[in-house]
Amino acid sequence: MESSITRIVLDEAHQLITDSNFRSNFLRLSELAAYPVQKIHLSATIPAYMEKRYLEIAALPNSTPILRAPTYRANLSYSLFAVNPRVRSQARLIVDVAAYMQANYWDDKCRGIIFCPSVERAKELGRHFNNCISHSDKTSLSDMQRFLNEEAWFKGTMPWIVATTTLIHGIDCPRVKVVMYDRVREALDDERSESESD
């Protein structure tokens, strides 16, 4: 009896867009488009305005069905804010938004995550948040320090953590009040430029 693969399921599929550290590996997933099997891409975090770009990156046809379902969690909502690209210091803006959220919508148990498209950007922004960072580059962040940072954030000692998508599971942590994605659009534009120049 011959066995074959009948379905490919990609969980956390948004990482094709959000994770620049491993983008070259993720982009190779588009090679799966050549295989005539059902493909299911799962993500709870691809906004509607990025759907078309996601289909391009994943090498999926525009006719690909996209299923969206509302969440019935009363504590979950999305707000999308476009930032004028002429804002000189987007890092300062993120710090100010975090301070505003903490001052107006926070209690001592709340937590926030700021996702960055690269380790370098996480380190840069982390300086504004007590260096509470999480990423996978062991040359600049030891496993122990990463563990201590994540533990302090999970316990609420540190209200904010700046991370790459290495910490994507953090959005499921209780009491996460704010999740910010820094430079996601810029990372998409960079990736588009790279693919167009190849």
N, C-alpha and C. Protein backbone atom coordinates (compact mmCIF):
# COMPACT_ATOMS: atom_id res chain seq x y z
N MET A 1 0.85 -1.18 0.00
CA MET A 1 0.00 0.00 0.00
C MET A 1 0.89 1.24 0.00
N GLU A 2 0.63 2.13 -0.91
CA GLU A 2 1.43 3.34 -1.03
C GLU A 2 0.81 4.45 -0.17
N SER A 3 1.64 5.12 0.61
CA SER A 3 1.12 6.23 1.42
C SER A 3 1.57 7.55 0.80
N SER A 4 0.80 8.57 1.04
CA SER A 4 1.17 9.88 0.50
C SER A 4 0.66 10.98 1.43
N ILE A 5 1.22 12.15 1.25
CA ILE A 5 0.78 13.30 2.03
C ILE A 5 -0.47 13.85 1.37
N THR A 6 -1.51 14.02 2.15
CA THR A 6 -2.76 14.53 1.59
C THR A 6 -3.06 15.96 2.02
N ARG A 7 -2.38 16.45 3.03
CA ARG A 7 -2.67 17.80 3.53
C ARG A 7 -1.44 18.36 4.23
N ILE A 8 -1.19 19.63 4.01
CA ILE A 8 -0.11 20.33 4.71
C ILE A 8 -0.75 21.45 5.52
N VAL A 9 -0.47 21.48 6.82
CA VAL A 9 -1.03 22.52 7.69
C VAL A 9 0.12 23.35 8.25
N LEU A 10 0.06 24.65 8.00
CA LEU A 10 1.06 25.58 8.53
C LEU A 10 0.42 26.39 9.65
N ASP A 11 0.88 26.18 10.86
CA ASP A 11 0.37 26.96 12.00
C ASP A 11 1.24 28.20 12.15
N GLU A 12 0.69 29.23 12.78
CA GLU A 12 1.39 30.51 12.96
C GLU A 12 1.88 31.04 11.61
N ALA A 13 1.04 30.92 10.61
CA ALA A 13 1.43 31.27 9.24
C ALA A 13 1.81 32.73 9.07
N HIS A 14 1.35 33.60 9.95
CA HIS A 14 1.69 35.02 9.85
C HIS A 14 3.19 35.26 9.93
N GLN A 15 3.94 34.28 10.41
CA GLN A 15 5.39 34.48 10.51
C GLN A 15 6.04 34.65 9.15
N LEU A 16 5.38 34.23 8.08
CA LEU A 16 5.89 34.55 6.74
C LEU A 16 6.03 36.06 6.58
N ILE A 17 5.16 36.81 7.23
CA ILE A 17 5.16 38.27 7.13
C ILE A 17 5.96 38.91 8.25
N THR A 18 5.79 38.41 9.47
CA THR A 18 6.29 39.16 10.63
C THR A 18 7.71 38.84 11.05
N ASP A 19 8.26 37.71 10.69
CA ASP A 19 9.55 37.32 11.24
C ASP A 19 10.67 37.48 10.22
N SER A 20 11.39 38.59 10.31
CA SER A 20 12.46 38.84 9.33
C SER A 20 13.71 38.02 9.62
N ASN A 21 13.89 37.55 10.85
CA ASN A 21 15.09 36.78 11.18
C ASN A 21 15.16 35.47 10.41
N PHE A 22 14.02 34.89 10.16
CA PHE A 22 13.98 33.60 9.49
C PHE A 22 13.27 33.68 8.15
N ARG A 23 13.13 34.91 7.59
CA ARG A 23 12.34 35.10 6.38
C ARG A 23 12.81 34.21 5.23
N SER A 24 14.12 34.08 5.04
CA SER A 24 14.58 33.28 3.90
C SER A 24 14.11 31.84 4.03
N ASN A 25 14.10 31.30 5.25
CA ASN A 25 13.59 29.93 5.45
C ASN A 25 12.08 29.88 5.24
N PHE A 26 11.37 30.89 5.79
CA PHE A 26 9.92 30.90 5.63
C PHE A 26 9.52 31.05 4.16
N LEU A 27 10.27 31.86 3.42
CA LEU A 27 9.94 32.06 2.01
C LEU A 27 10.07 30.77 1.21
N ARG A 28 10.91 29.87 1.66
CA ARG A 28 11.03 28.58 0.98
C ARG A 28 9.73 27.78 1.08
N LEU A 29 8.88 28.11 2.06
CA LEU A 29 7.60 27.42 2.16
C LEU A 29 6.74 27.64 0.93
N SER A 30 7.00 28.73 0.20
CA SER A 30 6.22 28.98 -1.02
C SER A 30 6.45 27.87 -2.05
N GLU A 31 7.55 27.14 -1.92
CA GLU A 31 7.81 26.02 -2.83
C GLU A 31 6.74 24.92 -2.69
N LEU A 32 6.05 24.91 -1.56
CA LEU A 32 4.99 23.92 -1.36
C LEU A 32 3.83 24.13 -2.33
N ALA A 33 3.73 25.33 -2.89
CA ALA A 33 2.65 25.62 -3.84
C ALA A 33 2.68 24.67 -5.03
N ALA A 34 3.84 24.15 -5.36
CA ALA A 34 3.98 23.26 -6.52
C ALA A 34 3.40 21.86 -6.25
N TYR A 35 3.17 21.52 -5.00
CA TYR A 35 2.67 20.18 -4.68
C TYR A 35 1.14 20.17 -4.67
N PRO A 36 0.54 19.23 -5.39
CA PRO A 36 -0.92 19.20 -5.51
C PRO A 36 -1.60 18.54 -4.31
N VAL A 37 -1.42 19.15 -3.15
CA VAL A 37 -2.11 18.67 -1.95
C VAL A 37 -2.79 19.87 -1.29
N GLN A 38 -3.77 19.56 -0.47
CA GLN A 38 -4.46 20.63 0.24
C GLN A 38 -3.50 21.31 1.21
N LYS A 39 -3.54 22.64 1.24
CA LYS A 39 -2.71 23.40 2.16
C LYS A 39 -3.60 24.28 3.03
N ILE A 40 -3.39 24.23 4.32
CA ILE A 40 -4.15 25.05 5.26
C ILE A 40 -3.16 25.93 6.01
N HIS A 41 -3.37 27.22 5.91
CA HIS A 41 -2.51 28.19 6.60
C HIS A 41 -3.31 28.76 7.77
N LEU A 42 -2.83 28.56 8.99
CA LEU A 42 -3.56 29.01 10.18
C LEU A 42 -2.88 30.23 10.80
N SER A 43 -3.67 31.23 11.10
CA SER A 43 -3.17 32.39 11.82
C SER A 43 -4.35 33.16 12.38
N ALA A 44 -4.18 33.67 13.57
CA ALA A 44 -5.21 34.53 14.16
C ALA A 44 -4.79 35.99 14.10
N THR A 45 -3.67 36.27 13.42
CA THR A 45 -3.14 37.63 13.50
C THR A 45 -2.79 38.26 12.15
N ILE A 46 -3.37 37.80 11.06
CA ILE A 46 -3.14 38.47 9.78
C ILE A 46 -4.31 39.42 9.54
N PRO A 47 -4.06 40.72 9.60
CA PRO A 47 -5.16 41.66 9.37
C PRO A 47 -5.62 41.61 7.91
N ALA A 48 -6.86 41.99 7.68
CA ALA A 48 -7.44 41.90 6.34
C ALA A 48 -6.62 42.67 5.31
N TYR A 49 -6.05 43.80 5.69
CA TYR A 49 -5.30 44.58 4.70
C TYR A 49 -4.01 43.89 4.26
N MET A 50 -3.57 42.83 4.96
CA MET A 50 -2.36 42.11 4.57
C MET A 50 -2.65 40.80 3.84
N GLU A 51 -3.91 40.47 3.67
CA GLU A 51 -4.26 39.19 3.06
C GLU A 51 -3.65 39.02 1.66
N LYS A 52 -3.82 40.04 0.82
CA LYS A 52 -3.32 39.94 -0.56
C LYS A 52 -1.81 39.72 -0.58
N ARG A 53 -1.10 40.46 0.26
CA ARG A 53 0.36 40.32 0.32
C ARG A 53 0.73 38.94 0.85
N TYR A 54 -0.02 38.44 1.82
CA TYR A 54 0.25 37.10 2.34
C TYR A 54 0.12 36.06 1.23
N LEU A 55 -0.94 36.17 0.43
CA LEU A 55 -1.13 35.22 -0.67
C LEU A 55 0.04 35.27 -1.64
N GLU A 56 0.56 36.46 -1.91
CA GLU A 56 1.72 36.60 -2.80
C GLU A 56 2.94 35.91 -2.21
N ILE A 57 3.22 36.19 -0.94
CA ILE A 57 4.41 35.63 -0.29
C ILE A 57 4.33 34.11 -0.23
N ALA A 58 3.14 33.59 0.07
CA ALA A 58 2.96 32.14 0.20
C ALA A 58 2.77 31.46 -1.15
N ALA A 59 2.78 32.23 -2.24
CA ALA A 59 2.58 31.71 -3.60
C ALA A 59 1.24 31.00 -3.73
N LEU A 60 0.22 31.59 -3.13
CA LEU A 60 -1.13 31.05 -3.21
C LEU A 60 -1.94 31.87 -4.20
N PRO A 61 -2.85 31.26 -4.93
CA PRO A 61 -3.65 32.02 -5.90
C PRO A 61 -4.61 32.99 -5.19
N ASN A 62 -4.95 34.07 -5.88
CA ASN A 62 -5.89 35.05 -5.31
C ASN A 62 -7.25 34.43 -5.02
N SER A 63 -7.56 33.32 -5.66
CA SER A 63 -8.85 32.65 -5.44
C SER A 63 -8.85 31.79 -4.18
N THR A 64 -7.75 31.77 -3.44
CA THR A 64 -7.67 30.97 -2.22
C THR A 64 -8.75 31.42 -1.23
N PRO A 65 -9.58 30.50 -0.76
CA PRO A 65 -10.60 30.89 0.22
C PRO A 65 -9.95 31.32 1.54
N ILE A 66 -10.43 32.40 2.09
CA ILE A 66 -9.95 32.89 3.38
C ILE A 66 -11.13 32.88 4.33
N LEU A 67 -11.00 32.15 5.40
CA LEU A 67 -12.07 32.05 6.39
C LEU A 67 -11.72 32.94 7.58
N ARG A 68 -12.64 33.80 7.94
CA ARG A 68 -12.47 34.65 9.11
C ARG A 68 -13.62 34.36 10.06
N ALA A 69 -13.33 34.37 11.32
CA ALA A 69 -14.37 34.15 12.31
C ALA A 69 -14.22 35.18 13.42
N PRO A 70 -15.32 35.68 13.92
CA PRO A 70 -15.22 36.64 15.01
C PRO A 70 -14.79 35.94 16.29
N THR A 71 -14.19 36.69 17.15
CA THR A 71 -13.87 36.15 18.47
C THR A 71 -14.99 36.55 19.42
N TYR A 72 -15.30 35.67 20.31
CA TYR A 72 -16.33 35.98 21.29
C TYR A 72 -15.73 36.24 22.66
N ARG A 73 -14.42 36.43 22.66
CA ARG A 73 -13.75 36.77 23.92
C ARG A 73 -13.98 38.26 24.18
N ALA A 74 -14.65 38.56 25.26
CA ALA A 74 -15.00 39.95 25.57
C ALA A 74 -13.76 40.80 25.82
N ASN A 75 -12.67 40.17 26.18
CA ASN A 75 -11.46 40.93 26.51
C ASN A 75 -10.55 41.15 25.31
N LEU A 76 -11.01 40.83 24.10
CA LEU A 76 -10.15 40.93 22.93
C LEU A 76 -10.74 41.88 21.91
N SER A 77 -9.92 42.84 21.49
CA SER A 77 -10.33 43.74 20.42
C SER A 77 -9.09 44.20 19.68
N TYR A 78 -9.29 44.67 18.46
CA TYR A 78 -8.18 45.15 17.65
C TYR A 78 -8.38 46.62 17.34
N SER A 79 -7.32 47.37 17.39
CA SER A 79 -7.32 48.75 16.91
C SER A 79 -6.08 48.88 16.04
N LEU A 80 -6.27 49.43 14.86
CA LEU A 80 -5.16 49.60 13.93
C LEU A 80 -4.90 51.08 13.76
N PHE A 81 -3.67 51.49 14.02
CA PHE A 81 -3.28 52.88 13.88
C PHE A 81 -2.18 52.96 12.84
N ALA A 82 -2.40 53.75 11.82
CA ALA A 82 -1.36 53.97 10.82
C ALA A 82 -0.52 55.14 11.28
N VAL A 83 0.78 54.98 11.19
CA VAL A 83 1.70 56.02 11.63
C VAL A 83 2.26 56.72 10.40
N ASN A 84 2.21 58.02 10.43
CA ASN A 84 2.77 58.81 9.34
C ASN A 84 4.25 58.47 9.21
N PRO A 85 4.70 58.03 8.04
CA PRO A 85 6.11 57.64 7.89
C PRO A 85 7.09 58.80 8.09
N ARG A 86 6.56 60.03 8.10
CA ARG A 86 7.43 61.18 8.32
C ARG A 86 7.72 61.42 9.80
N VAL A 87 7.07 60.64 10.68
CA VAL A 87 7.38 60.76 12.11
C VAL A 87 8.84 60.37 12.28
N ARG A 88 9.61 61.28 12.82
CA ARG A 88 11.06 61.06 12.88
C ARG A 88 11.45 59.91 13.79
N SER A 89 10.86 59.87 14.97
CA SER A 89 11.26 58.84 15.92
C SER A 89 10.08 57.92 16.21
N GLN A 90 10.01 56.83 15.46
CA GLN A 90 8.95 55.88 15.74
C GLN A 90 9.19 55.18 17.07
N ALA A 91 10.44 55.05 17.46
CA ALA A 91 10.74 54.47 18.78
C ALA A 91 10.13 55.35 19.87
N ARG A 92 10.29 56.65 19.75
CA ARG A 92 9.72 57.59 20.73
C ARG A 92 8.20 57.47 20.76
N LEU A 93 7.60 57.31 19.58
CA LEU A 93 6.15 57.16 19.49
C LEU A 93 5.69 55.90 20.23
N ILE A 94 6.41 54.81 20.05
CA ILE A 94 6.05 53.56 20.73
C ILE A 94 6.16 53.73 22.24
N VAL A 95 7.23 54.36 22.69
CA VAL A 95 7.40 54.63 24.12
C VAL A 95 6.25 55.48 24.64
N ASP A 96 5.87 56.50 23.89
CA ASP A 96 4.78 57.39 24.31
C ASP A 96 3.43 56.66 24.34
N VAL A 97 3.17 55.82 23.33
CA VAL A 97 1.92 55.05 23.32
C VAL A 97 1.89 54.09 24.50
N ALA A 98 3.00 53.44 24.77
CA ALA A 98 3.06 52.52 25.92
C ALA A 98 2.79 53.27 27.23
N ALA A 99 3.40 54.43 27.38
CA ALA A 99 3.18 55.23 28.60
C ALA A 99 1.72 55.67 28.70
N TYR A 100 1.14 56.07 27.59
CA TYR A 100 -0.27 56.49 27.57
C TYR A 100 -1.18 55.33 27.97
N MET A 101 -0.94 54.16 27.38
CA MET A 101 -1.76 52.99 27.72
C MET A 101 -1.63 52.64 29.19
N GLN A 102 -0.41 52.69 29.70
CA GLN A 102 -0.19 52.37 31.10
C GLN A 102 -0.89 53.37 32.01
N ALA A 103 -0.86 54.64 31.64
CA ALA A 103 -1.45 55.68 32.48
C ALA A 103 -2.98 55.65 32.45
N ASN A 104 -3.57 55.21 31.35
CA ASN A 104 -5.02 55.34 31.18
C ASN A 104 -5.81 54.03 31.20
N TYR A 105 -5.18 52.90 30.93
CA TYR A 105 -5.94 51.66 30.79
C TYR A 105 -5.34 50.49 31.57
N TRP A 106 -4.53 50.75 32.51
CA TRP A 106 -3.68 49.73 33.11
C TRP A 106 -4.00 49.55 34.58
N ASP A 107 -3.78 48.34 35.07
CA ASP A 107 -3.66 48.14 36.51
C ASP A 107 -2.37 47.36 36.74
N ASP A 108 -2.04 47.07 37.97
CA ASP A 108 -0.72 46.49 38.26
C ASP A 108 -0.54 45.07 37.73
N LYS A 109 -1.61 44.44 37.24
CA LYS A 109 -1.47 43.08 36.70
C LYS A 109 -1.37 43.06 35.18
N CYS A 110 -1.55 44.20 34.53
CA CYS A 110 -1.54 44.24 33.06
C CYS A 110 -0.14 44.08 32.51
N ARG A 111 -0.11 43.59 31.27
CA ARG A 111 1.15 43.42 30.57
C ARG A 111 0.99 43.88 29.12
N GLY A 112 2.12 44.22 28.51
CA GLY A 112 2.12 44.61 27.10
C GLY A 112 3.30 43.99 26.38
N ILE A 113 3.12 43.73 25.10
CA ILE A 113 4.18 43.17 24.26
C ILE A 113 4.38 44.10 23.07
N ILE A 114 5.62 44.32 22.73
CA ILE A 114 5.95 45.06 21.52
C ILE A 114 6.75 44.12 20.63
N PHE A 115 6.15 43.69 19.52
CA PHE A 115 6.83 42.78 18.60
C PHE A 115 7.62 43.59 17.57
N CYS A 116 8.83 43.14 17.33
CA CYS A 116 9.73 43.81 16.39
C CYS A 116 10.09 42.85 15.26
N PRO A 117 10.42 43.38 14.09
CA PRO A 117 10.74 42.51 12.96
C PRO A 117 12.15 41.95 12.97
N SER A 118 13.00 42.42 13.91
CA SER A 118 14.38 41.93 13.93
C SER A 118 14.94 42.00 15.34
N VAL A 119 16.00 41.24 15.57
CA VAL A 119 16.69 41.25 16.85
C VAL A 119 17.26 42.64 17.12
N GLU A 120 17.86 43.25 16.11
CA GLU A 120 18.45 44.58 16.29
C GLU A 120 17.41 45.60 16.74
N ARG A 121 16.24 45.56 16.12
CA ARG A 121 15.19 46.51 16.50
C ARG A 121 14.70 46.21 17.91
N ALA A 122 14.60 44.94 18.28
CA ALA A 122 14.18 44.58 19.64
C ALA A 122 15.18 45.12 20.66
N LYS A 123 16.46 45.00 20.36
CA LYS A 123 17.48 45.52 21.28
C LYS A 123 17.39 47.04 21.37
N GLU A 124 17.18 47.68 20.24
CA GLU A 124 17.08 49.15 20.21
C GLU A 124 15.89 49.64 21.04
N LEU A 125 14.72 49.05 20.83
CA LEU A 125 13.54 49.46 21.59
C LEU A 125 13.61 49.00 23.04
N GLY A 126 14.23 47.85 23.27
CA GLY A 126 14.31 47.31 24.62
C GLY A 126 14.96 48.25 25.61
N ARG A 127 15.86 49.09 25.14
CA ARG A 127 16.52 50.06 26.02
C ARG A 127 15.51 50.99 26.70
N HIS A 128 14.38 51.21 26.05
CA HIS A 128 13.35 52.08 26.61
C HIS A 128 12.43 51.35 27.58
N PHE A 129 12.58 50.03 27.68
CA PHE A 129 11.71 49.21 28.52
C PHE A 129 12.54 48.33 29.45
N ASN A 130 13.50 48.93 30.12
CA ASN A 130 14.35 48.25 31.10
C ASN A 130 15.06 47.03 30.53
N ASN A 131 15.34 47.03 29.25
CA ASN A 131 16.00 45.91 28.57
C ASN A 131 15.29 44.58 28.78
N CYS A 132 13.99 44.66 28.98
CA CYS A 132 13.18 43.44 29.09
C CYS A 132 12.86 42.99 27.66
N ILE A 133 13.75 42.15 27.11
CA ILE A 133 13.63 41.73 25.71
C ILE A 133 13.67 40.20 25.61
N SER A 134 13.15 39.72 24.49
CA SER A 134 13.18 38.28 24.22
C SER A 134 13.40 38.08 22.72
N HIS A 135 14.45 37.35 22.40
CA HIS A 135 14.74 36.99 21.01
C HIS A 135 15.64 35.77 21.02
N SER A 136 15.93 35.24 19.85
CA SER A 136 16.66 33.97 19.78
C SER A 136 18.15 34.10 19.51
N ASP A 137 18.68 35.31 19.45
CA ASP A 137 20.11 35.50 19.17
C ASP A 137 20.91 35.31 20.46
N LYS A 138 21.51 34.15 20.61
CA LYS A 138 22.21 33.82 21.85
C LYS A 138 23.53 34.57 22.01
N THR A 139 24.02 35.20 20.94
CA THR A 139 25.27 35.95 21.07
C THR A 139 25.05 37.26 21.82
N SER A 140 23.81 37.75 21.83
CA SER A 140 23.55 39.01 22.53
C SER A 140 22.57 38.86 23.69
N LEU A 141 21.97 37.68 23.84
CA LEU A 141 21.04 37.44 24.94
C LEU A 141 21.14 35.97 25.33
N SER A 142 21.69 35.72 26.51
CA SER A 142 21.86 34.33 26.95
C SER A 142 20.49 33.70 27.23
N ASP A 143 20.47 32.37 27.20
CA ASP A 143 19.23 31.66 27.53
C ASP A 143 18.74 32.05 28.92
N MET A 144 19.68 32.19 29.86
CA MET A 144 19.30 32.53 31.23
C MET A 144 18.69 33.93 31.30
N GLN A 145 19.31 34.90 30.63
CA GLN A 145 18.76 36.26 30.67
C GLN A 145 17.41 36.32 29.98
N ARG A 146 17.28 35.60 28.89
CA ARG A 146 15.98 35.55 28.20
C ARG A 146 14.92 34.96 29.12
N PHE A 147 15.27 33.86 29.80
CA PHE A 147 14.34 33.24 30.74
C PHE A 147 13.95 34.22 31.84
N LEU A 148 14.95 34.92 32.41
CA LEU A 148 14.66 35.88 33.48
C LEU A 148 13.77 37.02 32.99
N ASN A 149 14.03 37.51 31.79
CA ASN A 149 13.19 38.57 31.22
C ASN A 149 11.75 38.10 31.04
N GLU A 150 11.59 36.92 30.44
CA GLU A 150 10.25 36.40 30.20
C GLU A 150 9.54 36.11 31.52
N GLU A 151 10.27 35.57 32.48
CA GLU A 151 9.68 35.28 33.79
C GLU A 151 9.21 36.55 34.48
N ALA A 152 10.04 37.60 34.44
CA ALA A 152 9.67 38.89 35.05
C ALA A 152 8.42 39.45 34.37
N TRP A 153 8.34 39.29 33.07
CA TRP A 153 7.17 39.78 32.34
C TRP A 153 5.93 38.93 32.66
N PHE A 154 6.07 37.60 32.63
CA PHE A 154 4.94 36.72 32.93
C PHE A 154 4.39 36.99 34.33
N LYS A 155 5.28 37.23 35.28
CA LYS A 155 4.86 37.47 36.67
C LYS A 155 4.36 38.89 36.90
N GLY A 156 4.59 39.77 35.93
CA GLY A 156 4.11 41.14 36.08
C GLY A 156 5.11 42.10 36.70
N THR A 157 6.32 41.61 37.02
CA THR A 157 7.35 42.49 37.56
C THR A 157 7.73 43.54 36.53
N MET A 158 7.81 43.13 35.28
CA MET A 158 8.05 44.04 34.16
C MET A 158 6.75 44.14 33.37
N PRO A 159 6.19 45.32 33.23
CA PRO A 159 4.91 45.43 32.53
C PRO A 159 5.01 45.26 31.02
N TRP A 160 6.18 45.53 30.44
CA TRP A 160 6.36 45.46 28.99
C TRP A 160 7.52 44.54 28.65
N ILE A 161 7.38 43.84 27.53
CA ILE A 161 8.49 43.08 26.97
C ILE A 161 8.57 43.41 25.48
N VAL A 162 9.78 43.57 25.00
CA VAL A 162 10.03 43.83 23.59
C VAL A 162 10.61 42.55 23.01
N ALA A 163 9.98 42.04 21.96
CA ALA A 163 10.36 40.70 21.49
C ALA A 163 10.24 40.57 19.98
N THR A 164 10.96 39.59 19.47
CA THR A 164 10.70 39.14 18.11
C THR A 164 9.55 38.14 18.22
N THR A 165 9.14 37.57 17.11
CA THR A 165 8.02 36.62 17.19
C THR A 165 8.41 35.31 17.88
N THR A 166 9.63 35.24 18.38
CA THR A 166 10.03 34.11 19.23
C THR A 166 9.06 33.98 20.41
N LEU A 167 8.51 35.11 20.86
CA LEU A 167 7.61 35.11 22.02
C LEU A 167 6.14 35.22 21.59
N ILE A 168 5.80 34.77 20.40
CA ILE A 168 4.44 34.95 19.91
C ILE A 168 3.42 34.29 20.84
N HIS A 169 3.81 33.22 21.54
CA HIS A 169 2.89 32.58 22.48
C HIS A 169 2.51 33.51 23.63
N GLY A 170 3.27 34.59 23.81
CA GLY A 170 2.99 35.53 24.89
C GLY A 170 1.65 36.23 24.77
N ILE A 171 1.10 36.30 23.54
CA ILE A 171 -0.19 36.98 23.41
C ILE A 171 -1.31 36.21 24.10
N ASP A 172 -1.06 34.93 24.40
CA ASP A 172 -2.05 34.13 25.12
C ASP A 172 -1.89 34.21 26.63
N CYS A 173 -0.91 34.93 27.09
CA CYS A 173 -0.69 35.09 28.52
C CYS A 173 -1.85 35.89 29.12
N PRO A 174 -2.35 35.48 30.27
CA PRO A 174 -3.43 36.25 30.90
C PRO A 174 -2.97 37.68 31.19
N ARG A 175 -3.89 38.59 31.09
CA ARG A 175 -3.67 40.01 31.43
C ARG A 175 -2.84 40.78 30.40
N VAL A 176 -2.66 40.25 29.20
CA VAL A 176 -2.01 41.04 28.15
C VAL A 176 -3.02 42.09 27.70
N LYS A 177 -2.70 43.32 27.94
CA LYS A 177 -3.61 44.42 27.63
C LYS A 177 -3.33 45.02 26.25
N VAL A 178 -2.06 45.06 25.87
CA VAL A 178 -1.67 45.71 24.61
C VAL A 178 -0.64 44.85 23.89
N VAL A 179 -0.84 44.69 22.59
CA VAL A 179 0.15 44.07 21.71
C VAL A 179 0.41 45.06 20.59
N MET A 180 1.67 45.48 20.45
CA MET A 180 2.04 46.40 19.37
C MET A 180 2.97 45.67 18.41
N TYR A 181 2.77 45.91 17.13
CA TYR A 181 3.67 45.38 16.10
C TYR A 181 4.43 46.56 15.52
N ASP A 182 5.72 46.58 15.73
CA ASP A 182 6.56 47.67 15.26
C ASP A 182 7.09 47.37 13.87
N ARG A 183 6.92 48.31 12.97
CA ARG A 183 7.52 48.25 11.64
C ARG A 183 7.12 47.05 10.81
N VAL A 184 5.96 46.49 11.03
CA VAL A 184 5.54 45.34 10.22
C VAL A 184 5.40 45.75 8.76
N ARG A 185 4.80 46.90 8.52
CA ARG A 185 4.63 47.36 7.14
C ARG A 185 5.98 47.62 6.49
N GLU A 186 6.90 48.23 7.25
CA GLU A 186 8.25 48.50 6.73
C GLU A 186 8.95 47.20 6.39
N ALA A 187 8.80 46.19 7.25
CA ALA A 187 9.43 44.89 6.98
C ALA A 187 8.85 44.27 5.71
N LEU A 188 7.54 44.43 5.51
CA LEU A 188 6.92 43.93 4.29
C LEU A 188 7.49 44.64 3.07
N ASP A 189 7.63 45.95 3.16
CA ASP A 189 8.17 46.71 2.03
C ASP A 189 9.61 46.29 1.73
N ASP A 190 10.42 46.07 2.79
CA ASP A 190 11.80 45.62 2.60
C ASP A 190 11.82 44.27 1.90
N GLU A 191 10.94 43.36 2.35
CA GLU A 191 10.89 42.02 1.77
C GLU A 191 10.45 42.11 0.32
N ARG A 192 9.49 42.98 0.02
CA ARG A 192 9.02 43.14 -1.35
C ARG A 192 10.15 43.64 -2.24
N SER A 193 10.93 44.61 -1.75
CA SER A 193 12.05 45.15 -2.51
C SER A 193 13.08 44.06 -2.81
N GLU A 194 13.36 43.22 -1.79
CA GLU A 194 14.33 42.14 -1.97
C GLU A 194 13.85 41.17 -3.04
N SER A 195 12.57 40.79 -3.00
CA SER A 195 12.08 39.80 -3.96
C SER A 195 12.01 40.39 -5.36
N GLU A 196 11.74 41.70 -5.48
CA GLU A 196 11.68 42.32 -6.79
C GLU A 196 13.06 42.47 -7.41
N SER A 197 14.10 42.57 -6.56
CA SER A 197 15.45 42.75 -7.10
C SER A 197 16.13 41.42 -7.43
N ASP A 198 15.55 40.31 -6.99
CA ASP A 198 16.14 38.99 -7.28
C ASP A 198 15.93 38.58 -8.72
